Every structure is written in structure tokens, then in C-alpha cells.
Amino acid sequence: MKRLVSVLYVFGFILLISCQSKPSEKQSYTSGKEQILVDESFAPIIEDQAFLFESTYPNAKIDLVLKSENELLNLFLADSIQVAILSRLLKDDEKKHFESKNIKIRLNRFAIDGIALITHNSSKYANVDVADIIKILKGEQSSLQSLVFDNANSSTVRYFKELAAIDKLPATGIYALKSNADVINYVNDNPGSIGVVGVNWMVQPPVELEPIVADLKILGVKNIAGQPGSDAYYKPNQNDIALEKYPLTRSLYVINCEGGAGLGTGFASFITGDRGQRIVLKSGLLPDSIPSREINIVN
């Protein structure tokens, strides 16, 4: 009896070890599972990309982890997730984190995003000057009552801090909520306010926000004198972004630190390829490369 118990114990121990040392699921460019960090300020377009990618490649599973930019970078630099979709390049010290581990950083730009300023249709505002945006961000007298951001740790807040050359936001006139959806709801409930969202949230909002977005408008923006887009008020449409007339734009990147070929590389190639770029075009953002069109001429 004791011998039988001993044999069963040894067998169970070997089984446990074999389970713990089981190799992770094999990945390829079009199969396997991958977590990808995504800046939530332009989440809708990445969700569309992931849906079509998985529909095209049934053996692929993309798990999108939506975070604010600061939260996203903390996870990325902790090596917990190896692929991130950001609206800026890595800084030198961030690059060194991966280079010190001999990890090659693969970088793909796939779109140019317009940051939209939105307000309720009943609002008095139709246009905004960048000069007035900078004034309210500095806590100075401005024609704007308020600016409402998605999250204090977001990429849009970081973008506007850099625009105004400030380290922190003023105590009055500036509000930071939790998400782009919160901004849209807030602006709808407070007609005098101006919200800051990625244009994709206005062009292709989630279904539950569509009735609210229909009651909102996107403001025209004029740049500082002497800068491109300072001659008139422009909106974040693809034409004005392509002509570099709309002043509030940012490039979007897939940053891949997998250290080898995997599903993240396949997803990045998909986004920057013809089908992925067509999704970008449909979303209201400007594709990094304009998809070609074939026109059949019938005599």
C-alpha cells in the first residue's frame, strides 16, 4: 500500500512539473494569442482593425488592453506586454530599456490622427484659436470657458501640455475625466464646455453614443500667426490633415518589442497594409499610405 502511494505521489509530481514547463502556445504572423496595449483615446479604430484581422485569420486572437498613455507605458516598460499602439515615439531612456536586453524595436506608423474640439450644437462656439487654447492652459484670460479632457494621464493631455509648454494644468478652467466617452457625455450635458477627443470617436462612435454625438459639433481651429493653418479655421477632416492645415494632429504608431516574429508583427503588417489602411481611411483618420483604387472604364 505504501509503495502504491509513493508511486502515485511521484507520478503526480512529474505530471505537475510537466504541466508547469509546458511551452507557451506557438505563434506565427497569423495565429496564436497576443495582448496588445492600446491608447484608449483612439481605441475605436484599433478595435475595428482587430475585428477584421481575427475575421481574416481565425486562428489569431488579439486581446486589446485599453489604457491611458501613462498607464500603458508603465506596463510596456515592465515587459508584461510586448506590443503597444501609441501616439508618440519612445524616448531615448525608454529605448535603452529594450536595447539593454538586445530586443529590436520595430516601429510602424499607420495613421495621422486629428484631435477634435467638440461642443454641443446649441453652444455659441463655432471656431477656436490655438492662441486661446494656450491661454486657458496657462491659466490666463481666454475666450474659452473650459476644456474637458479624457484623463489626466492621457496622450491628449500630454499633447496639450507640450503645445502650451507647461508642466501641469491650471486649477481652474481645465477638467480631466476618465475616458473619451465621459467627455462626450459631459459636453452634451454642459453646452458651454469644449471637449477634447480623438476624431475617430466622432466619426465612428460606439453605438450607445451615436444619439449623443448627433447633438454635438466639431469646432474649426485656427493656428498661431505665422504657422500653417493660421489663415482660416480648419477642421480635423482628412483633406485638411493631409494639407497640414489643421493644427492639432499626431502620428499613430505600432511599437513592437516582441524580440522575434509573432502575432504582433503580423497585426502591425496588417494595419499598415492595404486592408488596414482602408479601415483608417474609413475611420476619419489620415492613412499613412493612401490605399490605391482601381477604376474600370467601360467604352
C-alpha atoms as a PDB file:
ATOM      1  CA  MET A   1       0.000   0.000   0.000  1.00  0.00           C
ATOM      2  CA  LYS A   2       2.807   2.392   0.958  1.00  0.00           C
ATOM      3  CA  ARG A   3       4.576   1.554  -2.302  1.00  0.00           C
ATOM      4  CA  LEU A   4       1.420   2.362  -4.270  1.00  0.00           C
ATOM      5  CA  VAL A   5       1.071   5.730  -2.502  1.00  0.00           C
ATOM      6  CA  SER A   6       4.725   6.514  -3.232  1.00  0.00           C
ATOM      7  CA  VAL A   7       4.314   5.651  -6.916  1.00  0.00           C
ATOM      8  CA  LEU A   8       1.189   7.816  -7.173  1.00  0.00           C
ATOM      9  CA  TYR A   9       2.995  10.679  -5.425  1.00  0.00           C
ATOM     10  CA  VAL A  10       5.961  10.514  -7.811  1.00  0.00           C
ATOM     11  CA  PHE A  11       3.640  10.257 -10.827  1.00  0.00           C
ATOM     12  CA  GLY A  12       1.659  13.306  -9.638  1.00  0.00           C
ATOM     13  CA  PHE A  13       4.848  15.277  -9.053  1.00  0.00           C
ATOM     14  CA  ILE A  14       6.135  14.508 -12.564  1.00  0.00           C
ATOM     15  CA  LEU A  15       2.757  15.458 -14.049  1.00  0.00           C
ATOM     16  CA  LEU A  16       2.803  18.777 -12.162  1.00  0.00           C
ATOM     17  CA  ILE A  17       6.294  19.616 -13.376  1.00  0.00           C
ATOM     18  CA  SER A  18       5.448  18.724 -16.955  1.00  0.00           C
ATOM     19  CA  CYS A  19       2.394  20.987 -16.856  1.00  0.00           C
ATOM     20  CA  GLN A  20       4.391  23.882 -15.430  1.00  0.00           C
ATOM     21  CA  SER A  21       7.103  23.537 -18.052  1.00  0.00           C
ATOM     22  CA  LYS A  22       4.682  23.180 -20.945  1.00  0.00           C
ATOM     23  CA  PRO A  23       5.827  25.511 -23.716  1.00  0.00           C
ATOM     24  CA  SER A  24       3.674  28.547 -24.498  1.00  0.00           C
ATOM     25  CA  GLU A  25       1.338  28.349 -27.460  1.00  0.00           C
ATOM     26  CA  LYS A  26       3.275  28.653 -30.691  1.00  0.00           C
ATOM     27  CA  GLN A  27       2.798  31.907 -32.550  1.00  0.00           C
ATOM     28  CA  SER A  28       3.085  32.914 -36.162  1.00  0.00           C
ATOM     29  CA  TYR A  29       2.236  36.092 -38.018  1.00  0.00           C
ATOM     30  CA  THR A  30      -1.378  34.945 -38.372  1.00  0.00           C
ATOM     31  CA  SER A  31      -2.023  32.536 -35.489  1.00  0.00           C
ATOM     32  CA  GLY A  32      -1.730  32.337 -31.719  1.00  0.00           C
ATOM     33  CA  LYS A  33      -2.679  34.779 -28.974  1.00  0.00           C
ATOM     34  CA  GLU A  34      -1.283  38.237 -28.281  1.00  0.00           C
ATOM     35  CA  GLN A  35      -2.034  41.012 -25.820  1.00  0.00           C
ATOM     36  CA  ILE A  36      -1.608  44.484 -27.308  1.00  0.00           C
ATOM     37  CA  LEU A  37      -1.592  47.731 -25.362  1.00  0.00           C
ATOM     38  CA  VAL A  38      -3.725  50.451 -26.950  1.00  0.00           C
ATOM     39  CA  ASP A  39      -4.039  54.146 -26.135  1.00  0.00           C
ATOM     40  CA  GLU A  40      -7.739  54.434 -25.327  1.00  0.00           C
ATOM     41  CA  SER A  41      -8.002  57.874 -26.969  1.00  0.00           C
ATOM     42  CA  PHE A  42      -8.101  56.199 -30.390  1.00  0.00           C
ATOM     43  CA  ALA A  43      -9.452  52.800 -29.341  1.00  0.00           C
ATOM     44  CA  PRO A  44     -12.370  52.585 -31.848  1.00  0.00           C
ATOM     45  CA  ILE A  45     -10.142  52.294 -34.910  1.00  0.00           C
ATOM     46  CA  ILE A  46      -7.911  49.638 -33.319  1.00  0.00           C
ATOM     47  CA  GLU A  47     -10.965  47.634 -32.287  1.00  0.00           C
ATOM     48  CA  ASP A  48     -12.101  47.702 -35.938  1.00  0.00           C
ATOM     49  CA  GLN A  49      -8.642  46.584 -37.075  1.00  0.00           C
ATOM     50  CA  ALA A  50      -8.548  43.698 -34.570  1.00  0.00           C
ATOM     51  CA  PHE A  51     -12.041  42.544 -35.568  1.00  0.00           C
ATOM     52  CA  LEU A  52     -11.155  42.359 -39.273  1.00  0.00           C
ATOM     53  CA  PHE A  53      -7.759  40.766 -38.541  1.00  0.00           C
ATOM     54  CA  GLU A  54      -9.368  37.989 -36.489  1.00  0.00           C
ATOM     55  CA  SER A  55     -12.073  37.533 -39.142  1.00  0.00           C
ATOM     56  CA  THR A  56      -9.383  37.147 -41.785  1.00  0.00           C
ATOM     57  CA  TYR A  57      -7.219  34.820 -39.673  1.00  0.00           C
ATOM     58  CA  PRO A  58      -9.494  32.611 -37.480  1.00  0.00           C
ATOM     59  CA  ASN A  59      -6.533  31.124 -35.598  1.00  0.00           C
ATOM     60  CA  ALA A  60      -5.461  34.551 -34.351  1.00  0.00           C
ATOM     61  CA  LYS A  61      -6.709  36.079 -31.111  1.00  0.00           C
ATOM     62  CA  ILE A  62      -5.895  39.727 -30.312  1.00  0.00           C
ATOM     63  CA  ASP A  63      -6.570  40.845 -26.733  1.00  0.00           C
ATOM     64  CA  LEU A  64      -6.636  44.658 -26.682  1.00  0.00           C
ATOM     65  CA  VAL A  65      -5.668  46.210 -23.337  1.00  0.00           C
ATOM     66  CA  LEU A  66      -7.032  49.774 -23.354  1.00  0.00           C
ATOM     67  CA  LYS A  67      -5.175  52.221 -21.100  1.00  0.00           C
ATOM     68  CA  SER A  68      -4.264  55.878 -20.761  1.00  0.00           C
ATOM     69  CA  GLU A  69      -0.824  56.704 -22.148  1.00  0.00           C
ATOM     70  CA  ASN A  70       0.951  56.776 -18.774  1.00  0.00           C
ATOM     71  CA  GLU A  71      -0.633  53.513 -17.607  1.00  0.00           C
ATOM     72  CA  LEU A  72       0.167  51.934 -20.954  1.00  0.00           C
ATOM     73  CA  LEU A  73       3.847  52.901 -20.819  1.00  0.00           C
ATOM     74  CA  ASN A  74       4.211  51.587 -17.275  1.00  0.00           C
ATOM     75  CA  LEU A  75       3.001  48.157 -18.420  1.00  0.00           C
ATOM     76  CA  PHE A  76       5.077  48.285 -21.593  1.00  0.00           C
ATOM     77  CA  LEU A  77       8.309  49.117 -19.769  1.00  0.00           C
ATOM     78  CA  ALA A  78       7.570  46.428 -17.181  1.00  0.00           C
ATOM     79  CA  ASP A  79       7.805  43.918 -20.068  1.00  0.00           C
ATOM     80  CA  SER A  80       4.386  42.495 -19.223  1.00  0.00           C
ATOM     81  CA  ILE A  81       3.102  43.171 -22.761  1.00  0.00           C
ATOM     82  CA  GLN A  82       5.447  43.486 -25.737  1.00  0.00           C
ATOM     83  CA  VAL A  83       3.361  45.410 -28.315  1.00  0.00           C
ATOM     84  CA  ALA A  84       1.929  48.899 -27.819  1.00  0.00           C
ATOM     85  CA  ILE A  85       0.000  51.320 -30.012  1.00  0.00           C
ATOM     86  CA  LEU A  86       0.910  54.902 -29.126  1.00  0.00           C
ATOM     87  CA  SER A  87       0.658  58.464 -30.410  1.00  0.00           C
ATOM     88  CA  ARG A  88       4.333  59.177 -29.851  1.00  0.00           C
ATOM     89  CA  LEU A  89       7.736  57.596 -30.325  1.00  0.00           C
ATOM     90  CA  LEU A  90       9.697  56.100 -27.461  1.00  0.00           C
ATOM     91  CA  LYS A  91      12.076  58.447 -25.668  1.00  0.00           C
ATOM     92  CA  ASP A  92      15.806  57.666 -25.513  1.00  0.00           C
ATOM     93  CA  ASP A  93      15.652  56.226 -21.985  1.00  0.00           C
ATOM     94  CA  GLU A  94      12.658  54.076 -22.961  1.00  0.00           C
ATOM     95  CA  LYS A  95      14.541  52.754 -25.990  1.00  0.00           C
ATOM     96  CA  LYS A  96      17.525  51.887 -23.818  1.00  0.00           C
ATOM     97  CA  HIS A  97      15.286  49.713 -21.621  1.00  0.00           C
ATOM     98  CA  PHE A  98      14.726  47.366 -24.568  1.00  0.00           C
ATOM     99  CA  GLU A  99      18.137  47.793 -26.215  1.00  0.00           C
ATOM    100  CA  SER A 100      19.841  46.741 -22.966  1.00  0.00           C
ATOM    101  CA  LYS A 101      18.049  43.399 -23.353  1.00  0.00           C
ATOM    102  CA  ASN A 102      19.041  43.107 -27.029  1.00  0.00           C
ATOM    103  CA  ILE A 103      15.413  43.491 -28.070  1.00  0.00           C
ATOM    104  CA  LYS A 104      14.951  45.012 -31.502  1.00  0.00           C
ATOM    105  CA  ILE A 105      12.287  47.730 -31.571  1.00  0.00           C
ATOM    106  CA  ARG A 106      10.066  47.504 -34.638  1.00  0.00           C
ATOM    107  CA  LEU A 107       8.223  50.706 -35.472  1.00  0.00           C
ATOM    108  CA  ASN A 108       5.299  51.207 -37.872  1.00  0.00           C
ATOM    109  CA  ARG A 109       3.426  54.478 -38.383  1.00  0.00           C
ATOM    110  CA  PHE A 110      -0.060  53.733 -39.663  1.00  0.00           C
ATOM    111  CA  ALA A 111      -2.116  56.945 -39.378  1.00  0.00           C
ATOM    112  CA  ILE A 112      -2.262  60.646 -38.588  1.00  0.00           C
ATOM    113  CA  ASP A 113      -4.974  61.494 -36.076  1.00  0.00           C
ATOM    114  CA  GLY A 114      -6.766  64.815 -35.727  1.00  0.00           C
ATOM    115  CA  ILE A 115      -7.594  65.846 -32.169  1.00  0.00           C
ATOM    116  CA  ALA A 116     -11.127  67.211 -32.284  1.00  0.00           C
ATOM    117  CA  LEU A 117     -12.539  70.010 -30.159  1.00  0.00           C
ATOM    118  CA  ILE A 118     -16.233  69.379 -29.637  1.00  0.00           C
ATOM    119  CA  THR A 119     -19.191  71.180 -28.108  1.00  0.00           C
ATOM    120  CA  HIS A 120     -22.976  70.957 -28.038  1.00  0.00           C
ATOM    121  CA  ASN A 121     -24.875  72.113 -31.120  1.00  0.00           C
ATOM    122  CA  SER A 122     -26.537  74.819 -29.014  1.00  0.00           C
ATOM    123  CA  SER A 123     -23.196  76.242 -27.896  1.00  0.00           C
ATOM    124  CA  LYS A 124     -22.109  79.715 -29.004  1.00  0.00           C
ATOM    125  CA  TYR A 125     -18.756  78.331 -30.108  1.00  0.00           C
ATOM    126  CA  ALA A 126     -18.156  77.532 -33.778  1.00  0.00           C
ATOM    127  CA  ASN A 127     -14.405  78.131 -34.009  1.00  0.00           C
ATOM    128  CA  VAL A 128     -11.406  78.249 -31.684  1.00  0.00           C
ATOM    129  CA  ASP A 129      -7.983  79.875 -31.950  1.00  0.00           C
ATOM    130  CA  VAL A 130      -4.917  77.918 -30.815  1.00  0.00           C
ATOM    131  CA  ALA A 131      -3.795  81.119 -29.098  1.00  0.00           C
ATOM    132  CA  ASP A 132      -6.879  80.984 -26.845  1.00  0.00           C
ATOM    133  CA  ILE A 133      -6.307  77.281 -26.151  1.00  0.00           C
ATOM    134  CA  ILE A 134      -2.783  78.083 -24.967  1.00  0.00           C
ATOM    135  CA  LYS A 135      -4.058  80.927 -22.780  1.00  0.00           C
ATOM    136  CA  ILE A 136      -6.567  78.782 -20.891  1.00  0.00           C
ATOM    137  CA  LEU A 137      -3.969  76.020 -20.489  1.00  0.00           C
ATOM    138  CA  LYS A 138      -1.636  78.568 -18.893  1.00  0.00           C
ATOM    139  CA  GLY A 139      -4.375  79.825 -16.592  1.00  0.00           C
ATOM    140  CA  GLU A 140      -4.589  83.155 -18.409  1.00  0.00           C
ATOM    141  CA  GLN A 141      -7.651  85.114 -19.523  1.00  0.00           C
ATOM    142  CA  SER A 142      -9.189  83.368 -22.524  1.00  0.00           C
ATOM    143  CA  SER A 143     -12.333  83.490 -24.625  1.00  0.00           C
ATOM    144  CA  LEU A 144     -12.882  79.823 -23.696  1.00  0.00           C
ATOM    145  CA  GLN A 145     -14.842  78.881 -20.590  1.00  0.00           C
ATOM    146  CA  SER A 146     -13.365  75.416 -20.162  1.00  0.00           C
ATOM    147  CA  LEU A 147     -11.556  72.488 -21.778  1.00  0.00           C
ATOM    148  CA  VAL A 148     -12.531  68.949 -20.851  1.00  0.00           C
ATOM    149  CA  PHE A 149     -10.027  66.102 -21.302  1.00  0.00           C
ATOM    150  CA  ASP A 150     -10.438  62.344 -21.207  1.00  0.00           C
ATOM    151  CA  ASN A 151      -7.919  61.515 -18.472  1.00  0.00           C
ATOM    152  CA  ALA A 152      -5.190  63.313 -16.551  1.00  0.00           C
ATOM    153  CA  ASN A 153      -2.725  60.626 -17.712  1.00  0.00           C
ATOM    154  CA  SER A 154      -3.817  60.591 -21.341  1.00  0.00           C
ATOM    155  CA  SER A 155      -1.889  61.293 -24.513  1.00  0.00           C
ATOM    156  CA  THR A 156      -4.189  64.223 -25.326  1.00  0.00           C
ATOM    157  CA  VAL A 157      -3.330  65.931 -22.025  1.00  0.00           C
ATOM    158  CA  ARG A 158       0.364  65.327 -22.696  1.00  0.00           C
ATOM    159  CA  TYR A 159      -0.061  66.739 -26.239  1.00  0.00           C
ATOM    160  CA  PHE A 160      -1.716  69.958 -24.994  1.00  0.00           C
ATOM    161  CA  LYS A 161       0.835  70.410 -22.209  1.00  0.00           C
ATOM    162  CA  GLU A 162       3.554  70.301 -24.846  1.00  0.00           C
ATOM    163  CA  LEU A 163       1.547  72.695 -27.033  1.00  0.00           C
ATOM    164  CA  ALA A 164       1.354  75.262 -24.221  1.00  0.00           C
ATOM    165  CA  ALA A 165       4.860  74.454 -22.881  1.00  0.00           C
ATOM    166  CA  ILE A 166       3.547  73.796 -19.351  1.00  0.00           C
ATOM    167  CA  ASP A 167       4.355  71.105 -16.773  1.00  0.00           C
ATOM    168  CA  LYS A 168       0.948  70.927 -15.115  1.00  0.00           C
ATOM    169  CA  LEU A 169      -2.605  72.009 -15.814  1.00  0.00           C
ATOM    170  CA  PRO A 170      -4.154  75.040 -14.079  1.00  0.00           C
ATOM    171  CA  ALA A 171      -6.569  74.579 -11.208  1.00  0.00           C
ATOM    172  CA  THR A 172      -9.460  76.307 -12.979  1.00  0.00           C
ATOM    173  CA  GLY A 173     -10.956  76.025 -16.456  1.00  0.00           C
ATOM    174  CA  ILE A 174      -9.497  72.574 -17.147  1.00  0.00           C
ATOM    175  CA  TYR A 175     -11.222  69.287 -16.310  1.00  0.00           C
ATOM    176  CA  ALA A 176      -9.929  65.733 -16.651  1.00  0.00           C
ATOM    177  CA  LEU A 177     -12.448  62.888 -16.522  1.00  0.00           C
ATOM    178  CA  LYS A 178     -11.848  59.159 -17.078  1.00  0.00           C
ATOM    179  CA  SER A 179     -12.468  58.429 -20.763  1.00  0.00           C
ATOM    180  CA  ASN A 180     -13.428  59.845 -24.154  1.00  0.00           C
ATOM    181  CA  ALA A 181     -16.969  58.560 -23.613  1.00  0.00           C
ATOM    182  CA  ASP A 182     -17.123  60.609 -20.408  1.00  0.00           C
ATOM    183  CA  VAL A 183     -16.019  63.714 -22.329  1.00  0.00           C
ATOM    184  CA  ILE A 184     -18.754  63.227 -24.924  1.00  0.00           C
ATOM    185  CA  ASN A 185     -21.413  62.822 -22.232  1.00  0.00           C
ATOM    186  CA  TYR A 186     -20.112  65.798 -20.252  1.00  0.00           C
ATOM    187  CA  VAL A 187     -20.124  68.133 -23.266  1.00  0.00           C
ATOM    188  CA  ASN A 188     -23.645  67.017 -24.088  1.00  0.00           C
ATOM    189  CA  ASP A 189     -24.803  67.857 -20.546  1.00  0.00           C
ATOM    190  CA  ASN A 190     -22.832  71.121 -20.324  1.00  0.00           C
ATOM    191  CA  PRO A 191     -23.332  73.125 -23.560  1.00  0.00           C
ATOM    192  CA  GLY A 192     -20.826  75.841 -22.639  1.00  0.00           C
ATOM    193  CA  SER A 193     -17.926  73.401 -22.376  1.00  0.00           C
ATOM    194  CA  ILE A 194     -15.449  72.282 -25.044  1.00  0.00           C
ATOM    195  CA  GLY A 195     -14.298  68.669 -25.055  1.00  0.00           C
ATOM    196  CA  VAL A 196     -11.075  67.180 -26.422  1.00  0.00           C
ATOM    197  CA  VAL A 197     -11.334  63.763 -28.146  1.00  0.00           C
ATOM    198  CA  GLY A 198      -9.750  61.798 -30.957  1.00  0.00           C
ATOM    199  CA  VAL A 199     -11.723  62.487 -34.150  1.00  0.00           C
ATOM    200  CA  ASN A 200     -12.470  58.767 -34.554  1.00  0.00           C
ATOM    201  CA  TRP A 201     -14.804  58.998 -31.545  1.00  0.00           C
ATOM    202  CA  MET A 202     -16.922  61.462 -33.520  1.00  0.00           C
ATOM    203  CA  VAL A 203     -16.768  59.764 -36.927  1.00  0.00           C
ATOM    204  CA  GLN A 204     -17.363  56.210 -35.657  1.00  0.00           C
ATOM    205  CA  PRO A 205     -18.673  56.425 -32.085  1.00  0.00           C
ATOM    206  CA  PRO A 206     -19.760  53.355 -30.132  1.00  0.00           C
ATOM    207  CA  VAL A 207     -23.415  52.506 -30.797  1.00  0.00           C
ATOM    208  CA  GLU A 208     -24.558  53.726 -27.386  1.00  0.00           C
ATOM    209  CA  LEU A 209     -23.021  57.167 -28.022  1.00  0.00           C
ATOM    210  CA  GLU A 210     -24.380  57.712 -31.543  1.00  0.00           C
ATOM    211  CA  PRO A 211     -27.524  59.651 -30.438  1.00  0.00           C
ATOM    212  CA  ILE A 212     -25.394  61.929 -28.233  1.00  0.00           C
ATOM    213  CA  VAL A 213     -22.724  62.551 -30.900  1.00  0.00           C
ATOM    214  CA  ALA A 214     -25.512  63.600 -33.289  1.00  0.00           C
ATOM    215  CA  ASP A 215     -26.184  66.553 -30.955  1.00  0.00           C
ATOM    216  CA  LEU A 216     -22.555  67.675 -30.902  1.00  0.00           C
ATOM    217  CA  LYS A 217     -20.414  69.622 -33.363  1.00  0.00           C
ATOM    218  CA  ILE A 218     -16.723  69.730 -34.186  1.00  0.00           C
ATOM    219  CA  LEU A 219     -15.143  73.182 -33.972  1.00  0.00           C
ATOM    220  CA  GLY A 220     -12.901  74.785 -36.546  1.00  0.00           C
ATOM    221  CA  VAL A 221      -9.394  75.624 -35.323  1.00  0.00           C
ATOM    222  CA  LYS A 222      -7.037  78.406 -36.465  1.00  0.00           C
ATOM    223  CA  ASN A 223      -3.329  78.130 -35.786  1.00  0.00           C
ATOM    224  CA  ILE A 224      -0.985  80.740 -34.317  1.00  0.00           C
ATOM    225  CA  ALA A 225       0.005  83.523 -36.725  1.00  0.00           C
ATOM    226  CA  GLY A 226       2.865  82.531 -38.997  1.00  0.00           C
ATOM    227  CA  GLN A 227       2.166  78.787 -38.652  1.00  0.00           C
ATOM    228  CA  PRO A 228       0.465  76.510 -41.232  1.00  0.00           C
ATOM    229  CA  GLY A 229      -3.293  76.771 -40.829  1.00  0.00           C
ATOM    230  CA  SER A 230      -3.235  80.339 -39.492  1.00  0.00           C
ATOM    231  CA  ASP A 231      -5.111  81.810 -42.471  1.00  0.00           C
ATOM    232  CA  ALA A 232      -8.527  80.295 -41.664  1.00  0.00           C
ATOM    233  CA  TYR A 233     -10.404  77.894 -39.394  1.00  0.00           C
ATOM    234  CA  TYR A 234      -9.906  74.242 -40.299  1.00  0.00           C
ATOM    235  CA  LYS A 235     -11.488  71.009 -39.103  1.00  0.00           C
ATOM    236  CA  PRO A 236      -9.908  67.580 -38.492  1.00  0.00           C
ATOM    237  CA  ASN A 237     -11.050  66.076 -41.785  1.00  0.00           C
ATOM    238  CA  GLN A 238      -8.731  64.043 -43.959  1.00  0.00           C
ATOM    239  CA  ASN A 239      -8.275  66.785 -46.548  1.00  0.00           C
ATOM    240  CA  ASP A 240      -7.197  69.466 -44.053  1.00  0.00           C
ATOM    241  CA  ILE A 241      -4.954  66.996 -42.202  1.00  0.00           C
ATOM    242  CA  ALA A 242      -3.299  65.896 -45.459  1.00  0.00           C
ATOM    243  CA  LEU A 243      -2.693  69.534 -46.488  1.00  0.00           C
ATOM    244  CA  GLU A 244      -1.246  70.213 -42.992  1.00  0.00           C
ATOM    245  CA  LYS A 245      -3.837  72.931 -42.418  1.00  0.00           C
ATOM    246  CA  TYR A 246      -5.437  71.514 -39.280  1.00  0.00           C
ATOM    247  CA  PRO A 247      -3.047  72.330 -36.414  1.00  0.00           C
ATOM    248  CA  LEU A 248      -3.909  69.647 -33.830  1.00  0.00           C
ATOM    249  CA  THR A 249      -2.580  66.389 -35.283  1.00  0.00           C
ATOM    250  CA  ARG A 250      -0.452  63.474 -34.115  1.00  0.00           C
ATOM    251  CA  SER A 251       1.051  60.370 -35.691  1.00  0.00           C
ATOM    252  CA  LEU A 252      -0.030  56.906 -34.503  1.00  0.00           C
ATOM    253  CA  TYR A 253       2.462  54.053 -34.210  1.00  0.00           C
ATOM    254  CA  VAL A 254       2.614  50.324 -33.572  1.00  0.00           C
ATOM    255  CA  ILE A 255       5.699  49.737 -31.408  1.00  0.00           C
ATOM    256  CA  ASN A 256       6.683  46.079 -31.344  1.00  0.00           C
ATOM    257  CA  CYS A 257       9.226  44.774 -28.831  1.00  0.00           C
ATOM    258  CA  GLU A 258       8.405  41.073 -29.106  1.00  0.00           C
ATOM    259  CA  GLY A 259      12.035  40.295 -29.781  1.00  0.00           C
ATOM    260  CA  GLY A 260      11.072  37.901 -32.562  1.00  0.00           C
ATOM    261  CA  ALA A 261       8.470  37.061 -35.166  1.00  0.00           C
ATOM    262  CA  GLY A 262       4.990  36.755 -33.708  1.00  0.00           C
ATOM    263  CA  LEU A 263       1.359  37.757 -33.937  1.00  0.00           C
ATOM    264  CA  GLY A 264       2.163  41.367 -33.033  1.00  0.00           C
ATOM    265  CA  THR A 265       4.322  41.636 -36.146  1.00  0.00           C
ATOM    266  CA  GLY A 266       1.533  40.166 -38.250  1.00  0.00           C
ATOM    267  CA  PHE A 267      -1.000  42.609 -36.806  1.00  0.00           C
ATOM    268  CA  ALA A 268       1.320  45.569 -37.447  1.00  0.00           C
ATOM    269  CA  SER A 269       1.789  44.430 -41.061  1.00  0.00           C
ATOM    270  CA  PHE A 270      -1.977  44.117 -41.436  1.00  0.00           C
ATOM    271  CA  ILE A 271      -2.650  47.630 -40.103  1.00  0.00           C
ATOM    272  CA  THR A 272      -0.044  49.175 -42.409  1.00  0.00           C
ATOM    273  CA  GLY A 273      -1.119  47.067 -45.393  1.00  0.00           C
ATOM    274  CA  ASP A 274      -3.821  47.840 -47.932  1.00  0.00           C
ATOM    275  CA  ARG A 275      -6.793  46.458 -45.950  1.00  0.00           C
ATOM    276  CA  GLY A 276      -5.719  48.075 -42.697  1.00  0.00           C
ATOM    277  CA  GLN A 277      -5.152  51.419 -44.388  1.00  0.00           C
ATOM    278  CA  ARG A 278      -8.658  51.270 -45.870  1.00  0.00           C
ATOM    279  CA  ILE A 279     -10.018  50.921 -42.329  1.00  0.00           C
ATOM    280  CA  VAL A 280      -8.011  54.011 -41.342  1.00  0.00           C
ATOM    281  CA  LEU A 281      -9.459  55.887 -44.311  1.00  0.00           C
ATOM    282  CA  LYS A 282     -12.999  54.911 -43.315  1.00  0.00           C
ATOM    283  CA  SER A 283     -12.407  55.946 -39.698  1.00  0.00           C
ATOM    284  CA  GLY A 284     -11.813  59.606 -40.478  1.00  0.00           C
ATOM    285  CA  LEU A 285      -8.078  59.496 -39.755  1.00  0.00           C
ATOM    286  CA  LEU A 286      -5.480  60.009 -42.476  1.00  0.00           C
ATOM    287  CA  PRO A 287      -3.797  56.750 -43.565  1.00  0.00           C
ATOM    288  CA  ASP A 288      -0.009  56.648 -43.571  1.00  0.00           C
ATOM    289  CA  SER A 289      -0.248  55.399 -47.156  1.00  0.00           C
ATOM    290  CA  ILE A 290      -3.327  56.171 -49.223  1.00  0.00           C
ATOM    291  CA  PRO A 291      -4.878  52.877 -50.481  1.00  0.00           C
ATOM    292  CA  SER A 292      -4.881  52.533 -54.249  1.00  0.00           C
ATOM    293  CA  ARG A 293      -8.139  52.497 -56.172  1.00  0.00           C
ATOM    294  CA  GLU A 294      -8.854  50.653 -59.399  1.00  0.00           C
ATOM    295  CA  ILE A 295     -11.250  52.314 -61.823  1.00  0.00           C
ATOM    296  CA  ASN A 296     -12.714  50.292 -64.688  1.00  0.00           C
ATOM    297  CA  ILE A 297     -13.562  52.383 -67.726  1.00  0.00           C
ATOM    298  CA  VAL A 298     -16.200  50.836 -69.942  1.00  0.00           C
ATOM    299  CA  ASN A 299     -16.394  52.018 -73.537  1.00  0.00           C
END
